[in-house]
Protein backbone atom coordinates (compact mmCIF):
# COMPACT_ATOMS: atom_id res chain seq x y z
CA MET A 1 -0.03 0.02 -0.08
CA ASN A 2 1.58 3.37 -1.03
CA GLN A 3 1.47 6.70 0.85
CA LEU A 4 -1.22 8.29 -0.94
CA ASN A 5 -3.49 5.32 -0.32
CA ASP A 6 -2.44 5.35 3.11
CA SER A 7 -3.51 8.83 3.70
CA LYS A 8 -6.94 8.21 1.78
CA ASN A 9 -7.61 5.30 4.43
CA PHE A 10 -6.66 7.37 7.33
CA TYR A 11 -9.21 10.40 6.45
CA PHE A 12 -11.86 7.60 5.47
CA GLN A 13 -11.52 6.04 8.81
CA VAL A 14 -11.85 9.59 10.55
CA GLY A 15 -14.79 10.35 8.39
CA LYS A 16 -16.69 7.01 9.74
CA ASN A 17 -15.89 7.99 13.01
CA ILE A 18 -17.32 11.32 12.48
CA LYS A 19 -20.35 10.13 10.98
CA LYS A 20 -20.69 7.49 13.95
CA PHE A 21 -21.07 10.04 16.60
CA ARG A 22 -23.13 12.44 14.55
CA ASP A 23 -25.71 9.58 14.02
CA LEU A 24 -25.33 8.99 18.00
CA ARG A 25 -26.10 12.93 18.70
CA ASN A 26 -28.70 12.36 15.93
CA TYR A 27 -27.41 15.39 14.28
CA SER A 28 -28.04 16.22 10.59
CA LEU A 29 -25.27 17.12 8.12
CA GLN A 30 -26.77 20.70 8.31
CA VAL A 31 -26.82 20.65 11.99
CA LEU A 32 -23.26 19.44 12.55
CA GLY A 33 -22.25 21.81 9.75
CA GLU A 34 -23.82 24.99 11.35
CA LYS A 35 -22.00 24.06 14.65
CA VAL A 36 -18.39 24.08 13.22
CA GLY A 37 -19.30 26.95 10.40
CA LEU A 38 -19.11 24.70 7.39
CA THR A 39 -21.64 23.59 4.76
CA LYS A 40 -23.47 20.28 5.21
CA LYS A 41 -21.64 19.16 1.66
CA THR A 42 -18.25 19.94 3.23
CA ILE A 43 -19.16 17.74 6.46
CA GLN A 44 -20.62 15.14 4.01
CA ARG A 45 -17.08 14.96 2.17
CA TYR A 46 -15.21 14.61 5.36
CA GLU A 47 -17.40 11.64 6.39
CA LEU A 48 -16.47 10.06 3.09
CA GLY A 49 -12.78 10.77 3.26
CA GLU A 50 -12.79 12.82 0.07
CA ILE A 51 -10.92 15.76 1.60
CA ARG A 52 -8.36 16.26 4.14
CA ILE A 53 -9.33 17.50 7.40
CA THR A 54 -6.88 19.56 9.32
CA MET A 55 -6.18 18.86 13.26
CA ASP A 56 -7.91 22.45 14.14
CA ARG A 57 -10.82 21.41 12.03
CA LEU A 58 -10.99 18.18 13.79
CA LYS A 59 -10.88 19.84 17.23
CA ASP A 60 -13.75 21.97 16.19
CA ILE A 61 -15.86 18.78 15.09
CA ALA A 62 -15.03 16.86 18.17
CA ALA A 63 -16.26 19.76 20.66
CA ALA A 64 -19.51 20.12 18.31
CA LEU A 65 -19.89 16.23 19.07
CA ASP A 66 -18.84 16.44 22.77
CA VAL A 67 -16.40 13.72 22.04
CA THR A 68 -12.46 13.68 21.79
CA VAL A 69 -10.09 14.00 19.15
CA THR A 70 -8.65 10.47 20.02
CA GLN A 71 -12.28 9.07 19.61
CA LEU A 72 -12.65 10.72 16.12
CA THR A 73 -9.38 9.20 15.03
CA GLU A 74 -9.64 5.69 16.54
CA GLY A 75 -8.43 3.12 14.09
CA ALA A 76 -7.16 5.61 11.61
CA TYR A 77 -3.50 5.88 12.61
CA GLN A 78 -2.94 2.27 11.87
CA PHE A 79 -3.04 3.11 8.11
CA LEU A 80 -0.01 5.68 8.84
CA GLY A 81 2.14 2.94 10.10
CA THR A 82 1.65 4.52 13.55
CA GLU A 83 1.02 2.30 16.56
CA VAL A 84 -1.13 3.92 19.04
CA ALA A 85 -1.68 2.25 22.33
CA GLU A 86 -5.31 1.19 23.00
CA SER A 87 -6.76 3.08 25.57
CA GLU A 88 -8.06 1.03 28.83
CA HIS A 89 -11.17 2.93 28.64
CA VAL A 90 -13.93 4.21 26.08
CA SER A 91 -16.37 6.63 26.53
CA LEU A 92 -20.11 5.73 26.05
CA PRO A 93 -23.24 7.79 25.62
CA VAL A 94 -25.57 7.90 28.39
CA VAL A 95 -28.98 7.88 26.44
CA GLY A 96 -31.92 9.91 27.47
CA LYS A 97 -34.49 9.15 24.81
CA ILE A 98 -34.74 6.58 21.93
CA SER A 99 -36.57 6.07 19.08
CA CYS A 100 -37.16 3.42 16.46
CA GLY A 101 -38.43 3.67 13.07
CA ASN A 102 -38.25 0.99 10.45
CA GLY A 103 -36.72 -1.18 12.86
CA GLN A 104 -33.68 1.12 13.33
CA ILE A 105 -32.68 2.35 16.65
CA ALA A 106 -31.86 6.20 17.04
CA TYR A 107 -30.70 7.86 20.10
CA GLU A 108 -33.00 11.17 20.32
CA TYR A 109 -31.26 12.77 23.04
CA ILE A 110 -27.80 12.12 24.92
CA GLU A 111 -27.51 13.23 28.25
CA GLY A 112 -23.60 12.93 28.21
CA TYR A 113 -20.86 10.32 27.88
CA GLU A 114 -19.33 7.83 30.68
CA THR A 115 -15.96 6.57 30.83
CA THR A 116 -16.00 2.92 30.97
CA PRO A 117 -13.55 0.40 31.28
CA ARG A 118 -12.69 -1.65 27.88
CA SER A 119 -12.66 -4.74 29.87
CA TRP A 120 -16.60 -4.31 30.32
CA ILE A 121 -16.94 -4.21 26.45
CA ASN A 122 -16.70 -7.53 24.67
CA GLY A 123 -17.59 -7.05 21.01
CA GLY A 124 -21.26 -5.13 19.42
CA GLU A 125 -22.52 -1.79 20.34
CA TYR A 126 -22.95 -0.59 23.98
CA PHE A 127 -24.66 2.52 25.65
CA TYR A 128 -26.11 3.62 29.04
CA LEU A 129 -29.45 3.94 30.23
CA ARG A 130 -30.52 5.50 33.53
CA ALA A 131 -32.93 3.37 35.90
CA LYS A 132 -36.24 4.97 36.80
CA GLY A 133 -38.74 4.14 39.37
CA ASP A 134 -38.69 1.08 41.20
CA SER A 135 -40.14 -1.60 39.18
CA MET A 136 -36.67 -3.54 39.23
CA GLN A 137 -35.82 -3.14 42.85
CA GLY A 138 -36.13 -6.97 43.15
CA ALA A 139 -32.95 -7.22 40.95
CA ARG A 140 -31.25 -4.43 42.94
CA ILE A 141 -32.01 -2.08 40.43
CA PHE A 142 -32.60 1.42 41.67
CA ASP A 143 -33.82 4.78 40.54
CA GLY A 144 -30.78 6.60 39.05
CA ASP A 145 -28.31 3.78 38.66
CA LEU A 146 -26.77 3.60 35.44
CA LEU A 147 -27.47 0.51 33.07
CA LEU A 148 -24.84 -0.51 30.72
CA ILE A 149 -26.90 -2.03 27.75
CA ARG A 150 -25.29 -3.99 24.84
CA LYS A 151 -27.47 -3.49 21.66
CA GLN A 152 -29.10 -6.36 20.57
CA GLU A 153 -32.93 -7.63 19.60
CA GLU A 154 -32.44 -10.86 20.99
CA VAL A 155 -32.41 -12.23 24.66
CA GLU A 156 -32.57 -15.42 26.10
CA ASP A 157 -35.72 -16.19 28.40
CA GLY A 158 -35.27 -14.68 31.57
CA GLU A 159 -32.71 -12.23 30.77
CA ILE A 160 -33.20 -8.68 31.96
CA ALA A 161 -33.46 -6.39 28.85
CA ALA A 162 -34.09 -2.76 27.65
CA VAL A 163 -37.19 -2.76 25.71
CA LEU A 164 -38.19 0.19 23.90
CA ILE A 165 -42.38 0.73 24.35
CA GLY A 166 -43.52 3.92 22.40
CA GLU A 167 -40.70 6.23 23.14
CA GLU A 168 -39.48 5.01 26.80
CA ALA A 169 -37.12 2.44 27.00
CA VAL A 170 -37.67 0.27 30.20
CA LEU A 171 -35.99 -2.33 31.84
CA LYS A 172 -37.76 -5.65 32.12
CA ARG A 173 -37.05 -9.50 32.39
CA VAL A 174 -37.98 -10.84 29.33
CA TYR A 175 -39.73 -14.16 28.25
CA ARG A 176 -40.64 -15.34 24.84
CA GLN A 177 -43.59 -17.62 23.92
CA GLY A 178 -43.59 -17.77 20.29
CA THR A 179 -44.25 -14.43 18.94
CA THR A 180 -45.26 -13.14 22.43
CA LEU A 181 -43.25 -11.27 24.76
CA VAL A 182 -43.86 -11.43 28.59
CA LEU A 183 -42.30 -8.69 30.19
CA GLN A 184 -41.88 -8.98 33.97
CA SER A 185 -40.97 -6.50 36.33
CA GLU A 186 -38.85 -7.36 39.61
CA ASN A 187 -41.53 -5.73 41.95
CA ALA A 188 -44.81 -7.57 43.02
CA ASN A 189 -46.68 -4.12 42.68
CA TYR A 190 -46.36 -4.28 38.80
CA PRO A 191 -48.29 -6.76 36.82
CA PRO A 192 -46.48 -8.34 33.87
CA ILE A 193 -47.07 -6.65 30.44
CA ILE A 194 -48.09 -9.15 27.52
CA CYS A 195 -47.55 -8.05 24.30
CA THR A 196 -46.43 -8.97 20.32
CA ALA A 197 -42.89 -7.84 19.48
CA GLY A 198 -42.87 -5.09 16.96
CA GLU A 199 -46.78 -4.31 17.63
CA ASN A 200 -47.49 -0.99 19.32
CA ASN A 201 -43.80 0.30 19.03
CA ILE A 202 -42.75 -2.45 21.54
CA TYR A 203 -39.08 -3.77 20.77
CA VAL A 204 -36.33 -5.36 22.77
CA ILE A 205 -33.47 -3.08 21.78
CA GLY A 206 -30.66 -4.51 24.09
CA LYS A 207 -29.45 -6.63 26.94
CA LEU A 208 -28.38 -5.38 30.59
CA LYS A 209 -24.87 -6.14 30.97
CA LYS A 210 -23.85 -4.18 34.03
CA VAL A 211 -25.49 -1.96 36.97
CA VAL A 212 -23.40 1.06 37.91
CA ILE A 213 -24.82 1.83 41.34
CA THR A 214 -25.39 5.20 42.28
CA PHE A 215 -24.98 6.02 45.97
């Protein structure tokens, strides 16, 4: 691979990272462009790796997306023959609101980002939700706890999952009986929810991996 191709691959990877975080923020090309004083066409060309992006511009985009430059260059320096030590931590979004259109999950509102040990992550896409209410107190999950979720549509019977009901993501123990879902709380005051997956905007969106207790 020659130096020119190495450089193109570097900017292509940076562009992929920009798009990933722009999608996480649910920003359009236009919105991100306005935040950094560029046209949406320029942002699109950055994302496609068509044009070189300066470090100053990269810092502006990182600030607009509320991420670090390191996050925007992750996986890119390998194309320049530069070994970058893998950080022991990653930054994951704390999602306040989620939508699901045509089966695609979108983060409508991100409260911030949480520094997370890389050892907690084992492939796939992860995000945090914040526990609300007392419906899962029997599983020692309390209001305000941070919930590390691995994004996936299928879980085993009896596993605790994040379930999107309308526009609200809730935590329930999930049981499947054919096409029927039984969503069970861990509090006797809440009856089970019996529904059909996909109907009435009800979807399993992820599996609970870890609870970060708030004291």
